[in-house]
C-alpha cells in the first residue's frame, strides 16, 4: 500500500488496534501501559493489547508520523516514554471515525441496527 503522508485518507482503513491506540491518545499523552489499560477499560475488557503487539504498532505509528514521543516523562518512571498524537495522526483518527460513522449509518439504513444502536 502506498501512503501519501499528506492525505489522511491514504491511511484508511486503520486496523482496529491502530484506531484504538490513536483514540487512546486523543485526549491525553500516555505511555504504553496506560494505552493498554485505556483500551481495555474502554472496551469493557473485550480488546486486550499485548505488550509486543503494542510496541510494534507504536513503532509503526511513529514511523508513519501519526504519533510522536511527548517531551515529558511520567513521574512514576522516568524510563517510560509518553506518546502523543501528531496533527496528521489527529486528522487520520478523525477521518477513520467519520468512515466508521458512515458504515454504521449504512447498517441502520439497511435495518441491521435499529436507531437505538441495539441488535
N, C-alpha and C. Protein backbone atom coordinates (compact mmCIF):
# COMPACT_ATOMS: atom_id res chain seq x y z
N UNK A 1 0.84 -1.18 0.00
CA UNK A 1 0.00 0.00 0.00
C UNK A 1 0.89 1.24 0.00
N UNK A 2 0.64 2.15 -0.90
CA UNK A 2 1.37 3.41 -0.97
C UNK A 2 0.60 4.44 -0.14
N UNK A 3 1.31 5.08 0.77
CA UNK A 3 0.68 6.05 1.65
C UNK A 3 1.17 7.44 1.32
N UNK A 4 0.24 8.35 1.03
CA UNK A 4 0.56 9.76 0.81
C UNK A 4 0.50 10.42 2.18
N UNK A 5 1.65 10.72 2.75
CA UNK A 5 1.71 11.23 4.12
C UNK A 5 1.05 12.59 4.30
N UNK A 6 0.60 13.22 3.24
CA UNK A 6 -0.11 14.49 3.37
C UNK A 6 -1.61 14.30 3.38
N UNK A 7 -2.08 13.16 2.92
CA UNK A 7 -3.51 12.92 2.81
C UNK A 7 -3.96 11.90 3.85
N UNK A 8 -4.70 12.34 4.88
CA UNK A 8 -5.15 11.42 5.93
C UNK A 8 -5.93 10.22 5.38
N UNK A 9 -6.66 10.41 4.29
CA UNK A 9 -7.46 9.32 3.73
C UNK A 9 -6.60 8.18 3.21
N UNK A 10 -5.35 8.46 2.88
CA UNK A 10 -4.48 7.41 2.34
C UNK A 10 -4.09 6.38 3.40
N UNK A 11 -4.33 6.68 4.67
CA UNK A 11 -4.01 5.75 5.75
C UNK A 11 -5.17 4.79 6.05
N UNK A 12 -6.33 5.06 5.46
CA UNK A 12 -7.54 4.30 5.78
C UNK A 12 -7.68 3.07 4.91
N UNK A 13 -8.32 2.04 5.40
CA UNK A 13 -8.85 1.90 6.75
C UNK A 13 -7.73 1.55 7.73
N UNK A 14 -7.88 2.00 8.97
CA UNK A 14 -6.94 1.64 10.02
C UNK A 14 -7.27 0.24 10.53
N UNK A 15 -6.28 -0.43 11.07
CA UNK A 15 -6.57 -1.68 11.75
C UNK A 15 -7.32 -1.33 13.04
N UNK A 16 -8.10 -2.25 13.57
CA UNK A 16 -8.81 -1.96 14.83
C UNK A 16 -7.87 -1.53 15.95
N UNK A 17 -6.71 -2.18 16.08
CA UNK A 17 -5.79 -1.81 17.15
C UNK A 17 -5.17 -0.43 16.90
N UNK A 18 -4.85 -0.10 15.67
CA UNK A 18 -4.30 1.23 15.37
C UNK A 18 -5.33 2.30 15.73
N UNK A 19 -6.59 2.07 15.36
CA UNK A 19 -7.65 3.01 15.71
C UNK A 19 -7.74 3.17 17.22
N UNK A 20 -7.69 2.06 17.95
CA UNK A 20 -7.81 2.12 19.40
C UNK A 20 -6.65 2.87 20.04
N UNK A 21 -5.44 2.68 19.52
CA UNK A 21 -4.28 3.38 20.07
C UNK A 21 -4.39 4.88 19.81
N UNK A 22 -4.75 5.26 18.59
CA UNK A 22 -4.91 6.69 18.30
C UNK A 22 -6.03 7.28 19.15
N UNK A 23 -7.10 6.54 19.33
CA UNK A 23 -8.21 7.01 20.16
C UNK A 23 -7.78 7.18 21.61
N UNK A 24 -6.94 6.28 22.10
CA UNK A 24 -6.43 6.39 23.47
C UNK A 24 -5.58 7.66 23.66
N UNK A 25 -4.96 8.12 22.59
CA UNK A 25 -4.11 9.31 22.67
C UNK A 25 -4.85 10.59 22.31
N UNK A 26 -6.13 10.48 21.99
CA UNK A 26 -6.90 11.65 21.54
C UNK A 26 -7.06 12.71 22.62
N UNK A 27 -7.13 12.29 23.87
CA UNK A 27 -7.39 13.27 24.93
C UNK A 27 -6.24 13.43 25.92
N UNK A 28 -5.19 12.63 25.75
CA UNK A 28 -4.09 12.71 26.70
C UNK A 28 -2.87 11.97 26.18
N UNK A 29 -1.69 12.49 26.49
CA UNK A 29 -0.47 11.75 26.22
C UNK A 29 -0.45 10.55 27.16
N UNK A 30 0.04 9.41 26.68
CA UNK A 30 0.07 8.21 27.50
C UNK A 30 1.32 7.40 27.20
N UNK A 31 1.77 6.65 28.19
CA UNK A 31 2.83 5.67 27.98
C UNK A 31 2.17 4.34 27.61
N UNK A 32 2.98 3.38 27.20
CA UNK A 32 2.46 2.12 26.67
C UNK A 32 1.48 1.41 27.58
N UNK A 33 1.84 1.24 28.85
CA UNK A 33 0.95 0.52 29.76
C UNK A 33 -0.37 1.27 29.93
N UNK A 34 -0.32 2.59 29.98
CA UNK A 34 -1.55 3.39 30.10
C UNK A 34 -2.43 3.24 28.86
N UNK A 35 -1.81 3.09 27.69
CA UNK A 35 -2.59 2.86 26.47
C UNK A 35 -3.29 1.51 26.56
N UNK A 36 -2.56 0.48 27.00
CA UNK A 36 -3.15 -0.85 27.15
C UNK A 36 -4.35 -0.80 28.09
N UNK A 37 -4.19 -0.14 29.23
CA UNK A 37 -5.28 -0.07 30.23
C UNK A 37 -6.47 0.74 29.69
N UNK A 38 -6.21 1.84 28.99
CA UNK A 38 -7.28 2.67 28.43
C UNK A 38 -8.12 1.88 27.44
N UNK A 39 -7.45 1.15 26.53
CA UNK A 39 -8.17 0.36 25.53
C UNK A 39 -8.98 -0.74 26.21
N UNK A 40 -8.38 -1.41 27.17
CA UNK A 40 -9.07 -2.49 27.86
C UNK A 40 -10.29 -1.97 28.63
N UNK A 41 -10.13 -0.88 29.35
CA UNK A 41 -11.24 -0.31 30.13
C UNK A 41 -12.35 0.20 29.22
N UNK A 42 -11.98 0.91 28.15
CA UNK A 42 -12.99 1.48 27.25
C UNK A 42 -13.78 0.40 26.54
N UNK A 43 -13.13 -0.74 26.28
CA UNK A 43 -13.80 -1.83 25.57
C UNK A 43 -14.49 -2.81 26.51
N UNK A 44 -14.48 -2.51 27.79
CA UNK A 44 -15.08 -3.43 28.75
C UNK A 44 -14.34 -4.75 28.82
N UNK A 45 -13.06 -4.73 28.49
CA UNK A 45 -12.24 -5.93 28.56
C UNK A 45 -12.27 -6.80 27.31
N UNK A 46 -13.04 -6.39 26.29
CA UNK A 46 -13.12 -7.23 25.09
C UNK A 46 -11.90 -7.07 24.18
N UNK A 47 -11.20 -5.95 24.27
CA UNK A 47 -9.97 -5.74 23.50
C UNK A 47 -8.79 -5.70 24.46
N UNK A 48 -7.84 -6.57 24.22
CA UNK A 48 -6.64 -6.61 25.06
C UNK A 48 -5.41 -6.56 24.17
N UNK A 49 -4.71 -5.46 24.26
CA UNK A 49 -3.46 -5.30 23.51
C UNK A 49 -2.34 -6.00 24.27
N UNK A 50 -1.61 -6.84 23.61
CA UNK A 50 -0.43 -7.45 24.22
C UNK A 50 0.75 -6.49 24.07
N UNK A 51 1.66 -6.58 24.99
CA UNK A 51 2.79 -5.65 25.02
C UNK A 51 3.57 -5.66 23.70
N UNK A 52 3.90 -6.84 23.19
CA UNK A 52 4.66 -6.92 21.94
C UNK A 52 3.92 -6.31 20.77
N UNK A 53 2.61 -6.58 20.70
CA UNK A 53 1.78 -6.01 19.64
C UNK A 53 1.76 -4.50 19.75
N UNK A 54 1.58 -4.00 20.96
CA UNK A 54 1.50 -2.55 21.16
C UNK A 54 2.79 -1.87 20.73
N UNK A 55 3.93 -2.36 21.18
CA UNK A 55 5.17 -1.65 20.89
C UNK A 55 5.56 -1.74 19.41
N UNK A 56 5.21 -2.83 18.75
CA UNK A 56 5.39 -2.91 17.30
C UNK A 56 4.51 -1.87 16.61
N UNK A 57 3.26 -1.77 17.05
CA UNK A 57 2.32 -0.80 16.49
C UNK A 57 2.77 0.62 16.77
N UNK A 58 3.22 0.91 18.00
CA UNK A 58 3.69 2.26 18.33
C UNK A 58 4.86 2.65 17.42
N UNK A 59 5.77 1.71 17.20
CA UNK A 59 6.92 2.00 16.32
C UNK A 59 6.44 2.34 14.91
N UNK A 60 5.48 1.58 14.41
CA UNK A 60 4.96 1.84 13.06
C UNK A 60 4.25 3.19 13.00
N UNK A 61 3.45 3.52 14.02
CA UNK A 61 2.73 4.80 14.04
C UNK A 61 3.69 5.98 14.13
N UNK A 62 4.80 5.81 14.85
CA UNK A 62 5.82 6.86 14.91
C UNK A 62 6.46 7.02 13.53
N UNK A 63 6.82 5.91 12.89
CA UNK A 63 7.44 5.98 11.57
C UNK A 63 6.52 6.63 10.54
N UNK A 64 5.22 6.39 10.66
CA UNK A 64 4.26 6.99 9.73
C UNK A 64 3.94 8.44 10.06
N UNK A 65 4.41 8.92 11.20
CA UNK A 65 4.17 10.31 11.59
C UNK A 65 2.81 10.55 12.22
N UNK A 66 2.13 9.49 12.66
CA UNK A 66 0.81 9.65 13.27
C UNK A 66 0.89 9.94 14.76
N UNK A 67 1.96 9.47 15.39
CA UNK A 67 2.21 9.79 16.79
C UNK A 67 3.67 10.15 16.94
N UNK A 68 3.98 10.77 18.07
CA UNK A 68 5.36 11.10 18.38
C UNK A 68 5.57 10.96 19.88
N UNK A 69 6.82 10.99 20.27
CA UNK A 69 7.11 10.96 21.70
C UNK A 69 6.83 12.33 22.28
N UNK A 70 6.13 12.34 23.41
CA UNK A 70 5.88 13.58 24.13
C UNK A 70 7.15 13.97 24.87
N UNK A 71 7.32 15.24 25.13
CA UNK A 71 8.53 15.72 25.79
C UNK A 71 8.66 15.24 27.23
N UNK A 72 7.56 15.29 27.97
CA UNK A 72 7.61 14.99 29.41
C UNK A 72 7.60 13.50 29.66
N UNK A 73 8.40 13.08 30.61
CA UNK A 73 8.38 11.70 31.10
C UNK A 73 7.38 11.64 32.25
N UNK A 74 6.91 10.44 32.55
CA UNK A 74 5.97 10.30 33.66
C UNK A 74 6.70 10.43 34.98
N UNK A 75 5.99 10.86 36.01
CA UNK A 75 6.58 10.95 37.33
C UNK A 75 6.87 9.56 37.90
N UNK A 76 6.07 8.58 37.50
CA UNK A 76 6.18 7.23 38.04
C UNK A 76 7.52 6.59 37.67
N UNK A 77 7.96 6.77 36.46
CA UNK A 77 9.16 6.09 35.99
C UNK A 77 9.73 6.89 34.83
N UNK A 78 10.88 7.48 35.04
CA UNK A 78 11.45 8.36 34.00
C UNK A 78 11.88 7.59 32.76
N UNK A 79 11.88 6.24 32.81
CA UNK A 79 12.24 5.46 31.63
C UNK A 79 11.06 5.29 30.69
N UNK A 80 9.86 5.51 31.17
CA UNK A 80 8.67 5.35 30.32
C UNK A 80 8.59 6.48 29.32
N UNK A 81 8.23 6.11 28.09
CA UNK A 81 8.04 7.11 27.05
C UNK A 81 6.56 7.40 26.92
N UNK A 82 6.23 8.66 26.90
CA UNK A 82 4.86 9.08 26.63
C UNK A 82 4.72 9.34 25.14
N UNK A 83 3.57 9.00 24.61
CA UNK A 83 3.28 9.22 23.20
C UNK A 83 2.13 10.21 23.08
N UNK A 84 2.12 10.93 21.96
CA UNK A 84 1.06 11.90 21.70
C UNK A 84 0.70 11.85 20.22
N UNK A 85 -0.53 12.25 19.93
CA UNK A 85 -0.96 12.35 18.54
C UNK A 85 -0.24 13.52 17.87
N UNK A 86 0.11 13.35 16.63
CA UNK A 86 0.58 14.47 15.82
C UNK A 86 -0.64 15.08 15.14
N UNK A 87 -0.45 16.20 14.47
CA UNK A 87 -1.56 16.81 13.72
C UNK A 87 -2.05 15.85 12.65
N UNK A 88 -1.13 15.14 11.99
CA UNK A 88 -1.53 14.16 10.98
C UNK A 88 -2.28 13.01 11.63
N UNK A 89 -1.80 12.54 12.77
CA UNK A 89 -2.48 11.46 13.48
C UNK A 89 -3.90 11.84 13.88
N UNK A 90 -4.07 13.07 14.32
CA UNK A 90 -5.40 13.57 14.67
C UNK A 90 -6.31 13.58 13.44
N UNK A 91 -5.78 14.03 12.32
CA UNK A 91 -6.58 14.08 11.08
C UNK A 91 -6.94 12.67 10.62
N UNK A 92 -6.01 11.73 10.74
CA UNK A 92 -6.29 10.35 10.35
C UNK A 92 -7.33 9.73 11.28
N UNK A 93 -7.21 9.97 12.58
CA UNK A 93 -8.19 9.46 13.54
C UNK A 93 -9.58 9.99 13.23
N UNK A 94 -9.69 11.27 12.95
CA UNK A 94 -11.00 11.87 12.63
C UNK A 94 -11.55 11.30 11.32
N UNK A 95 -10.69 11.12 10.32
CA UNK A 95 -11.14 10.56 9.04
C UNK A 95 -11.64 9.13 9.23
N UNK A 96 -10.95 8.35 10.04
CA UNK A 96 -11.38 6.97 10.29
C UNK A 96 -12.69 6.94 11.07
N UNK A 97 -12.85 7.82 12.05
CA UNK A 97 -14.10 7.88 12.82
C UNK A 97 -15.27 8.24 11.90
N UNK A 98 -15.05 9.17 10.99
CA UNK A 98 -16.11 9.52 10.03
C UNK A 98 -16.43 8.36 9.10
N UNK A 99 -15.40 7.63 8.69
CA UNK A 99 -15.61 6.46 7.83
C UNK A 99 -16.45 5.40 8.56
N UNK A 100 -16.11 5.16 9.82
CA UNK A 100 -16.85 4.18 10.62
C UNK A 100 -18.28 4.65 10.88
N UNK A 101 -18.44 5.94 11.13
CA UNK A 101 -19.78 6.50 11.35
C UNK A 101 -20.65 6.30 10.11
N UNK A 102 -20.06 6.49 8.93
CA UNK A 102 -20.82 6.28 7.68
C UNK A 102 -21.23 4.82 7.54
N UNK A 103 -20.36 3.90 7.92
CA UNK A 103 -20.69 2.47 7.85
C UNK A 103 -21.84 2.13 8.80
N UNK A 104 -21.83 2.72 9.98
CA UNK A 104 -22.92 2.50 10.94
C UNK A 104 -24.21 3.06 10.37
N UNK A 105 -24.15 4.22 9.72
CA UNK A 105 -25.33 4.79 9.08
C UNK A 105 -25.89 3.85 8.02
N UNK A 106 -25.00 3.25 7.23
CA UNK A 106 -25.44 2.28 6.23
C UNK A 106 -26.11 1.09 6.89
N UNK A 107 -25.56 0.60 7.97
CA UNK A 107 -26.14 -0.55 8.68
C UNK A 107 -27.52 -0.20 9.23
N UNK A 108 -27.69 1.02 9.70
CA UNK A 108 -29.02 1.43 10.20
C UNK A 108 -30.02 1.53 9.06
N UNK A 109 -29.59 2.10 7.94
CA UNK A 109 -30.49 2.23 6.79
C UNK A 109 -30.91 0.86 6.24
N UNK A 110 -30.05 -0.11 6.39
CA UNK A 110 -30.35 -1.47 5.94
C UNK A 110 -31.05 -2.30 7.03
N UNK A 111 -31.36 -1.64 8.15
CA UNK A 111 -32.06 -2.26 9.28
C UNK A 111 -31.26 -3.39 9.93
N UNK A 112 -29.94 -3.31 9.80
CA UNK A 112 -29.08 -4.24 10.51
C UNK A 112 -29.02 -3.83 11.97
N UNK A 113 -29.03 -2.53 12.21
CA UNK A 113 -29.10 -1.95 13.57
C UNK A 113 -30.34 -1.09 13.65
N UNK A 114 -30.93 -1.06 14.84
CA UNK A 114 -32.04 -0.13 14.99
C UNK A 114 -31.49 1.25 15.36
N UNK A 115 -32.35 2.25 15.42
CA UNK A 115 -31.90 3.62 15.69
C UNK A 115 -31.28 3.78 17.07
N UNK A 116 -31.62 2.91 18.01
CA UNK A 116 -31.08 2.99 19.36
C UNK A 116 -29.72 2.32 19.45
N UNK A 117 -29.27 1.70 18.36
CA UNK A 117 -27.96 1.06 18.36
C UNK A 117 -27.99 -0.38 18.81
N UNK A 118 -29.16 -0.91 19.08
CA UNK A 118 -29.27 -2.31 19.53
C UNK A 118 -29.28 -3.26 18.36
N UNK A 119 -29.25 -4.51 18.71
CA UNK A 119 -29.25 -5.56 17.68
C UNK A 119 -30.65 -6.18 17.61
